[in-house]
Amino acid sequence: MQEGLDPRAEVMVVEDTPASLELLCKLLTESGYAVRPAPEGRMALRSAQSRPPELILLDIRMPDIDGYEVCRRLKGDERTREIPVIFLSAMREESDTVRGFELGAVDFIAKPYRPEEVLARVRTHVELRRLQADQEERVRERTAQLLEAQGKLLESQTRLQELAGFLQNVREEERTRIARELHDELGQALTSLRIDIGWLRGKCESLGEPVFNRASQAYMLTERTIDALRRISEGLRPGMLDVLGLAAAIEHHVTQFEERSGITCTLYMNREEFEIDDPLATAIFRLVQEALTNVLRHANARQLIVSIGDRERSIFVRIEDDGQGFKPVEGKKTFGLLGMQERVKILGGSIQIRSQQGKGSCIDASFPKREVVTP
């Protein structure tokens, strides 16, 4: 009667008594198992290390090294530690059983052997071992799949961040180009126009009040247009940032913001100028610019504090207001906040936005300093 598993499970029988060894080998072979006999412990160890079986039946009392020592060495070897071991013993002491389990055995079979018990225990532990091996293989496959997916995700995130950085650079370059054209071409044309209209206005006094008034209105309209153009140009790319540096550009922007908004602004900087490269200076200026715009639009604040500090390895920026604050909505982020966060992440920095309704808001950002490359 073939009761073994398909494909045939290989069982090692370690027994120094020839009659018992022959009995067990015959019983297991007739039940469909591939049997590997080993009459002593050292042979069993070498055989198991060379080609691990699926199960080991191990006699405790043997002349060279006993079953306990064989089991201890099996469990101490990476090649054989996962093989289930069933002890064969005529001993009945509880301490012997406890010691066997402490060494890593999975079961005991008492002598004299009962064929039904031997086959039942062998089959159970072979099936358990195969189930365990199958689960381990599935876990390995799933882990490999997850690691591969994680790698692809990280690669995609890196590419997206690189793309975001590229788009930010393109946008800044385009803003710079437009601001320069507005300032150099349209600004100069309007300035010339203002001069000419001023000259014409002086000549119109003799033509009567209506003509003089129309000339004066045209002159004032040109003045307002030049002012608007200057504000637009500064918003696109402040020339002061390129000429005088970050500190002067921030100070000018905060002063202009205070004048336009009526919000009391306080500026703290621990340097008269910051020795940082252009991308970092631009990112800090844009962060402050966007934060102040959000305060003006949403905060209903009366006071605003901007702090910029140069540390040994980083630049920190803090913008805090006493406005109405906001309660973050789960899963919902505004494009303004996302834009700030992305701008900071692109340069390897960190940002934290805190707010409570009725208690204002605070933005803390930190950027790692990079070596300034001088042309």
Protein backbone atom coordinates (compact mmCIF):
# COMPACT_ATOMS: atom_id res chain seq x y z
CA MET A 1 0.00 0.00 0.00
CA GLN A 2 1.63 3.22 -1.16
CA GLU A 3 0.89 5.94 1.40
CA GLY A 4 3.81 8.27 0.65
CA LEU A 5 3.64 11.66 -1.01
CA ASP A 6 4.03 12.40 -4.68
CA PRO A 7 6.71 13.25 -5.60
CA ARG A 8 8.31 10.86 -3.16
CA ALA A 9 9.49 12.47 0.05
CA GLU A 10 13.01 11.59 1.12
CA VAL A 11 13.38 10.53 4.75
CA MET A 12 16.68 9.88 6.50
CA VAL A 13 16.63 7.21 9.21
CA VAL A 14 19.49 7.44 11.74
CA GLU A 15 19.54 4.27 13.86
CA ASP A 16 22.53 2.30 15.13
CA THR A 17 20.55 -0.91 15.77
CA PRO A 18 20.55 -2.85 12.46
CA ALA A 19 17.20 -4.58 13.11
CA SER A 20 15.43 -1.30 13.93
CA LEU A 21 17.07 0.44 10.97
CA GLU A 22 15.97 -2.33 8.60
CA LEU A 23 12.45 -2.31 10.03
CA LEU A 24 11.98 1.43 9.62
CA CYS A 25 13.51 1.52 6.13
CA LYS A 26 11.26 -1.31 4.94
CA LEU A 27 8.15 0.28 6.45
CA LEU A 28 8.79 3.68 4.88
CA THR A 29 9.88 2.28 1.51
CA GLU A 30 6.73 0.17 1.20
CA SER A 31 4.70 3.30 1.99
CA GLY A 32 6.21 5.19 -0.95
CA TYR A 33 9.02 7.16 0.69
CA ALA A 34 12.59 7.44 -0.56
CA VAL A 35 14.62 6.28 2.42
CA ARG A 36 18.23 7.14 3.20
CA PRO A 37 19.66 4.97 6.02
CA ALA A 38 22.45 6.17 8.29
CA PRO A 39 23.78 3.75 10.96
CA GLU A 40 25.64 6.39 12.98
CA GLY A 41 25.59 10.14 13.72
CA ARG A 42 28.64 11.41 11.84
CA MET A 43 27.53 9.76 8.62
CA ALA A 44 24.08 11.27 9.08
CA LEU A 45 25.55 14.76 9.46
CA ARG A 46 27.72 14.46 6.35
CA SER A 47 24.85 13.05 4.31
CA ALA A 48 22.37 15.72 5.45
CA GLN A 49 24.83 18.53 4.75
CA SER A 50 25.54 17.14 1.30
CA ARG A 51 21.88 16.73 0.31
CA PRO A 52 19.28 17.74 2.91
CA PRO A 53 16.35 15.28 3.21
CA GLU A 54 12.79 16.40 3.93
CA LEU A 55 12.66 14.66 7.31
CA ILE A 56 15.07 12.93 9.72
CA LEU A 57 14.15 10.12 12.11
CA LEU A 58 16.91 10.26 14.71
CA ASP A 59 17.70 7.72 17.42
CA ILE A 60 18.83 9.28 20.70
CA ARG A 61 21.13 6.56 22.05
CA MET A 62 24.05 5.99 19.67
CA PRO A 63 27.68 5.05 20.39
CA ASP A 64 29.69 7.75 18.59
CA ILE A 65 27.69 10.94 19.14
CA ASP A 66 24.19 10.72 20.52
CA GLY A 67 21.02 12.00 18.87
CA TYR A 68 20.94 15.18 20.97
CA GLU A 69 24.37 16.24 19.70
CA VAL A 70 23.45 15.34 16.11
CA CYS A 71 20.30 17.46 16.40
CA ARG A 72 22.24 20.36 17.92
CA ARG A 73 24.71 20.34 15.00
CA LEU A 74 21.92 20.05 12.44
CA LYS A 75 20.14 23.07 13.89
CA GLY A 76 23.39 25.03 14.04
CA ASP A 77 24.07 24.62 10.33
CA GLU A 78 22.28 26.90 7.82
CA ARG A 79 22.15 24.03 5.34
CA THR A 80 20.23 21.69 7.67
CA ARG A 81 18.53 23.82 10.33
CA GLU A 82 15.14 23.74 8.60
CA ILE A 83 14.95 19.92 8.36
CA PRO A 84 12.32 18.60 10.81
CA VAL A 85 13.74 16.06 13.26
CA ILE A 86 11.72 13.32 14.97
CA PHE A 87 13.50 11.62 17.85
CA LEU A 88 13.34 7.83 18.22
CA SER A 89 13.63 6.81 21.86
CA ALA A 90 12.75 4.20 24.43
CA MET A 91 13.26 6.77 27.19
CA ARG A 92 10.19 7.90 29.07
CA GLU A 93 11.57 10.68 31.26
CA GLU A 94 9.88 14.07 30.78
CA SER A 95 13.25 15.82 30.99
CA ASP A 96 14.46 13.87 27.94
CA THR A 97 11.45 15.02 25.95
CA VAL A 98 11.88 18.65 27.05
CA ARG A 99 15.57 18.58 26.12
CA GLY A 100 14.71 17.24 22.67
CA PHE A 101 12.20 19.99 22.00
CA GLU A 102 14.64 22.62 23.29
CA LEU A 103 17.17 21.39 20.73
CA GLY A 104 14.63 21.86 17.93
CA ALA A 105 12.96 18.47 17.47
CA VAL A 106 9.38 18.53 16.18
CA ASP A 107 8.17 15.19 17.61
CA PHE A 108 9.01 11.94 19.42
CA ILE A 109 8.31 8.30 18.44
CA ALA A 110 8.56 5.82 21.29
CA LYS A 111 10.12 2.39 20.99
CA PRO A 112 8.95 -0.29 20.32
CA TYR A 113 7.60 1.16 17.08
CA ARG A 114 3.99 0.93 16.05
CA PRO A 115 3.83 1.09 12.23
CA GLU A 116 0.62 3.17 12.10
CA GLU A 117 2.04 5.75 14.50
CA VAL A 118 5.35 5.97 12.62
CA LEU A 119 3.63 6.50 9.25
CA ALA A 120 1.14 8.99 10.65
CA ARG A 121 3.81 11.15 12.30
CA VAL A 122 6.13 10.99 9.29
CA ARG A 123 3.37 11.92 6.87
CA THR A 124 2.19 14.78 9.08
CA HIS A 125 5.61 16.36 9.40
CA VAL A 126 6.52 15.88 5.75
CA GLU A 127 3.29 17.60 4.75
CA LEU A 128 3.93 20.40 7.25
CA ARG A 129 7.46 20.82 5.95
CA ARG A 130 6.24 21.00 2.37
CA LEU A 131 3.56 23.51 3.32
CA GLN A 132 6.16 25.57 5.14
CA ALA A 133 8.55 25.40 2.19
CA ASP A 134 5.73 26.39 -0.16
CA GLN A 135 4.80 29.34 2.03
CA GLU A 136 8.43 30.40 2.29
CA GLU A 137 8.77 30.26 -1.49
CA ARG A 138 5.61 32.32 -1.91
CA VAL A 139 6.88 34.83 0.63
CA ARG A 140 10.19 35.07 -1.23
CA GLU A 141 8.41 35.54 -4.55
CA ARG A 142 6.06 38.13 -3.09
CA THR A 143 8.93 39.91 -1.37
CA ALA A 144 10.86 39.99 -4.64
CA GLN A 145 7.79 41.39 -6.41
CA LEU A 146 7.30 44.03 -3.73
CA LEU A 147 10.96 45.02 -3.83
CA GLU A 148 10.81 45.26 -7.60
CA ALA A 149 7.64 47.37 -7.40
CA GLN A 150 9.20 49.53 -4.71
CA GLY A 151 12.28 50.01 -6.85
CA LYS A 152 10.16 51.04 -9.82
CA LEU A 153 8.14 53.39 -7.63
CA LEU A 154 11.28 55.01 -6.24
CA GLU A 155 12.64 55.32 -9.75
CA SER A 156 9.39 56.94 -10.91
CA GLN A 157 9.41 59.30 -7.94
CA THR A 158 13.01 60.25 -8.69
CA ARG A 159 12.17 60.91 -12.32
CA LEU A 160 9.11 62.94 -11.37
CA GLN A 161 11.18 64.99 -8.96
CA GLU A 162 13.83 65.53 -11.62
CA LEU A 163 11.09 66.56 -14.05
CA ALA A 164 9.60 68.91 -11.46
CA GLY A 165 13.02 70.45 -10.91
CA PHE A 166 13.52 70.81 -14.64
CA LEU A 167 10.12 72.48 -15.03
CA GLN A 168 10.90 74.83 -12.15
CA ASN A 169 14.16 75.83 -13.84
CA VAL A 170 12.42 76.30 -17.18
CA ARG A 171 9.74 78.43 -15.53
CA GLU A 172 12.33 80.58 -13.76
CA GLU A 173 14.27 81.02 -16.99
CA GLU A 174 11.09 82.00 -18.82
CA ARG A 175 10.13 84.41 -16.06
CA THR A 176 13.60 85.94 -16.19
CA ARG A 177 13.39 86.33 -19.96
CA ILE A 178 9.93 87.93 -19.84
CA ALA A 179 10.92 90.22 -16.96
CA ARG A 180 14.02 91.33 -18.84
CA GLU A 181 12.06 92.02 -22.02
CA LEU A 182 9.41 93.95 -20.08
CA HIS A 183 12.06 96.00 -18.33
CA ASP A 184 14.47 96.53 -21.21
CA GLU A 185 12.07 96.95 -24.12
CA LEU A 186 8.59 97.88 -22.94
CA GLY A 187 9.90 99.73 -19.88
CA GLN A 188 12.27 101.85 -21.94
CA ALA A 189 9.56 102.56 -24.52
CA LEU A 190 7.13 103.69 -21.83
CA THR A 191 9.79 105.83 -20.18
CA SER A 192 10.47 107.54 -23.49
CA LEU A 193 6.73 107.97 -23.99
CA ARG A 194 6.39 109.56 -20.55
CA ILE A 195 9.17 112.02 -21.35
CA ASP A 196 7.55 112.97 -24.64
CA ILE A 197 4.10 113.35 -23.10
CA GLY A 198 5.61 115.49 -20.33
CA TRP A 199 7.19 117.70 -22.97
CA LEU A 200 3.89 117.92 -24.89
CA ARG A 201 1.98 118.73 -21.71
CA GLY A 202 4.25 121.70 -21.16
CA LYS A 203 3.49 122.93 -24.66
CA CYS A 204 -0.29 122.54 -24.19
CA GLU A 205 -0.74 125.22 -21.55
CA SER A 206 -1.23 127.83 -24.21
CA LEU A 207 -3.86 125.70 -25.99
CA GLY A 208 -6.37 125.95 -23.18
CA GLU A 209 -7.32 124.05 -20.06
CA PRO A 210 -9.16 121.12 -21.76
CA VAL A 211 -6.14 120.24 -23.90
CA PHE A 212 -3.75 120.63 -20.96
CA ASN A 213 -5.96 118.41 -18.76
CA ARG A 214 -6.07 115.66 -21.40
CA ALA A 215 -2.29 115.81 -21.74
CA SER A 216 -1.93 115.62 -17.94
CA GLN A 217 -4.25 112.57 -17.80
CA ALA A 218 -2.19 110.87 -20.52
CA TYR A 219 0.98 111.60 -18.54
CA MET A 220 -0.49 110.17 -15.31
CA LEU A 221 -1.78 107.08 -17.17
CA THR A 222 1.71 106.50 -18.50
CA GLU A 223 3.12 106.86 -14.97
CA ARG A 224 0.66 104.29 -13.62
CA THR A 225 1.45 101.95 -16.51
CA ILE A 226 5.16 102.19 -15.78
CA ASP A 227 4.51 101.46 -12.09
CA ALA A 228 2.34 98.46 -12.98
CA LEU A 229 4.98 97.21 -15.39
CA ARG A 230 7.63 97.53 -12.69
CA ARG A 231 5.51 95.53 -10.24
CA ILE A 232 4.83 92.82 -12.82
CA SER A 233 8.49 92.64 -13.76
CA GLU A 234 9.55 92.44 -10.11
CA GLY A 235 6.97 89.70 -9.51
CA LEU A 236 8.31 87.67 -12.40
CA ARG A 237 11.95 88.05 -11.48
CA PRO A 238 13.20 90.74 -9.09
CA GLY A 239 16.23 92.38 -10.64
CA MET A 240 17.50 93.09 -7.15
CA LEU A 241 17.90 89.32 -6.59
CA ASP A 242 20.41 89.14 -9.44
CA VAL A 243 22.17 92.43 -8.72
CA LEU A 244 22.21 92.80 -4.93
CA GLY A 245 21.50 89.27 -3.71
CA LEU A 246 18.91 87.45 -1.61
CA ALA A 247 18.97 89.58 1.54
CA ALA A 248 18.35 92.85 -0.30
CA ALA A 249 15.66 91.26 -2.50
CA ILE A 250 13.82 89.82 0.52
CA GLU A 251 14.03 93.11 2.42
CA HIS A 252 12.69 95.04 -0.57
CA HIS A 253 9.87 92.55 -1.16
CA VAL A 254 8.77 92.52 2.49
CA THR A 255 8.82 96.33 2.59
CA GLN A 256 6.73 96.56 -0.58
CA PHE A 257 4.32 93.93 0.77
CA GLU A 258 3.86 95.91 4.00
CA GLU A 259 3.11 99.09 2.07
CA ARG A 260 0.59 97.41 -0.25
CA SER A 261 -1.18 95.22 2.33
CA GLY A 262 -1.13 97.32 5.49
CA ILE A 263 0.07 94.24 7.42
CA THR A 264 2.82 95.00 9.92
CA CYS A 265 5.89 93.03 8.84
CA THR A 266 9.03 92.22 10.82
CA LEU A 267 12.10 90.81 9.10
CA TYR A 268 14.97 89.02 10.87
CA MET A 269 18.13 87.95 9.02
CA ASN A 270 21.43 86.94 10.64
CA ARG A 271 23.49 87.91 7.59
CA GLU A 272 23.77 91.04 5.50
CA GLU A 273 24.18 88.68 2.57
CA PHE A 274 23.97 84.92 2.11
CA GLU A 275 26.71 83.06 0.24
CA ILE A 276 24.47 80.63 -1.63
CA ASP A 277 24.01 79.64 -5.25
CA ASP A 278 21.36 81.10 -7.53
CA PRO A 279 18.89 78.15 -7.52
CA LEU A 280 18.79 78.14 -3.72
CA ALA A 281 18.44 81.93 -3.52
CA THR A 282 15.61 81.81 -6.04
CA ALA A 283 13.86 79.00 -4.16
CA ILE A 284 14.01 80.90 -0.85
CA PHE A 285 12.75 84.10 -2.46
CA ARG A 286 9.87 82.24 -4.14
CA LEU A 287 8.98 80.51 -0.87
CA VAL A 288 8.73 83.85 0.92
CA GLN A 289 6.87 85.40 -2.02
CA GLU A 290 4.28 82.61 -2.18
CA ALA A 291 3.83 82.55 1.60
CA LEU A 292 3.20 86.30 1.73
CA THR A 293 0.73 86.03 -1.13
CA ASN A 294 -1.18 83.33 0.76
CA VAL A 295 -1.22 85.47 3.91
CA LEU A 296 -2.63 88.42 1.96
CA ARG A 297 -5.32 86.31 0.28
CA HIS A 298 -6.45 84.03 3.09
CA ALA A 299 -5.04 84.84 6.53
CA ASN A 300 -6.74 88.13 7.44
CA ALA A 301 -3.59 88.81 9.49
CA ARG A 302 -2.42 91.98 11.22
CA GLN A 303 1.19 90.99 11.83
CA LEU A 304 3.74 88.94 9.95
CA ILE A 305 7.26 87.80 10.88
CA VAL A 306 9.80 86.56 8.33
CA SER A 307 13.03 84.99 9.62
CA ILE A 308 15.96 83.78 7.53
CA GLY A 309 19.04 82.31 9.16
CA ASP A 310 22.37 81.01 7.88
CA ARG A 311 23.60 77.96 9.79
CA GLU A 312 26.76 75.96 9.28
CA ARG A 313 25.24 73.49 6.83
CA SER A 314 21.76 74.82 6.14
CA ILE A 315 19.58 77.86 5.56
CA PHE A 316 16.32 78.04 7.51
CA VAL A 317 13.26 80.12 6.66
CA ARG A 318 10.28 80.81 8.90
CA ILE A 319 7.14 82.77 8.00
CA GLU A 320 4.55 83.16 10.76
CA ASP A 321 1.39 85.24 10.97
CA ASP A 322 -1.33 85.99 13.53
CA GLY A 323 -4.19 85.42 11.09
CA GLN A 324 -7.27 83.24 11.25
CA GLY A 325 -5.33 80.05 10.43
CA PHE A 326 -6.86 77.05 8.77
CA LYS A 327 -7.81 73.49 9.57
CA PRO A 328 -6.10 71.00 7.25
CA VAL A 329 -8.66 68.94 5.33
CA GLU A 330 -7.84 65.22 5.20
CA GLY A 331 -6.64 64.25 1.73
CA LYS A 332 -6.95 67.81 0.40
CA LYS A 333 -3.99 70.06 -0.34
CA THR A 334 -3.98 73.41 -2.09
CA PHE A 335 -1.74 73.97 -5.07
CA GLY A 336 -0.02 76.82 -3.19
CA LEU A 337 1.08 74.55 -0.35
CA LEU A 338 1.98 71.74 -2.76
CA GLY A 339 4.07 74.18 -4.78
CA MET A 340 5.98 75.25 -1.67
CA GLN A 341 6.58 71.66 -0.59
CA GLU A 342 7.75 70.59 -4.03
CA ARG A 343 10.07 73.57 -4.39
CA VAL A 344 11.74 72.71 -1.08
CA LYS A 345 11.99 68.96 -1.81
CA ILE A 346 13.63 69.56 -5.19
CA LEU A 347 16.60 71.12 -3.39
CA GLY A 348 16.73 68.35 -0.78
CA GLY A 349 15.17 70.42 1.98
CA SER A 350 12.35 69.87 4.44
CA ILE A 351 9.25 71.92 5.19
CA GLN A 352 6.66 71.88 7.95
CA ILE A 353 3.39 73.83 7.80
CA ARG A 354 1.51 74.30 11.07
CA SER A 355 -1.79 76.09 11.54
CA GLN A 356 -4.68 76.30 13.96
CA GLN A 357 -7.96 78.06 13.40
CA GLY A 358 -7.85 81.41 15.11
CA LYS A 359 -4.17 81.05 16.06
CA GLY A 360 -2.36 81.86 12.85
CA SER A 361 0.01 79.81 10.71
CA CYS A 362 3.71 79.04 10.62
CA ILE A 363 5.89 77.73 7.79
CA ASP A 364 9.29 76.28 8.71
CA ALA A 365 11.65 75.29 5.90
CA SER A 366 15.27 74.20 5.90
CA PHE A 367 17.56 73.92 2.88
CA PRO A 368 20.95 72.18 2.82
CA LYS A 369 23.72 74.56 1.80
CA ARG A 370 25.54 73.75 -1.39
CA GLU A 371 28.98 74.86 -2.49
CA VAL A 372 28.84 78.05 -4.51
CA VAL A 373 30.48 77.54 -7.88
CA THR A 374 32.20 80.73 -9.04
CA PRO A 375 32.64 81.15 -12.78
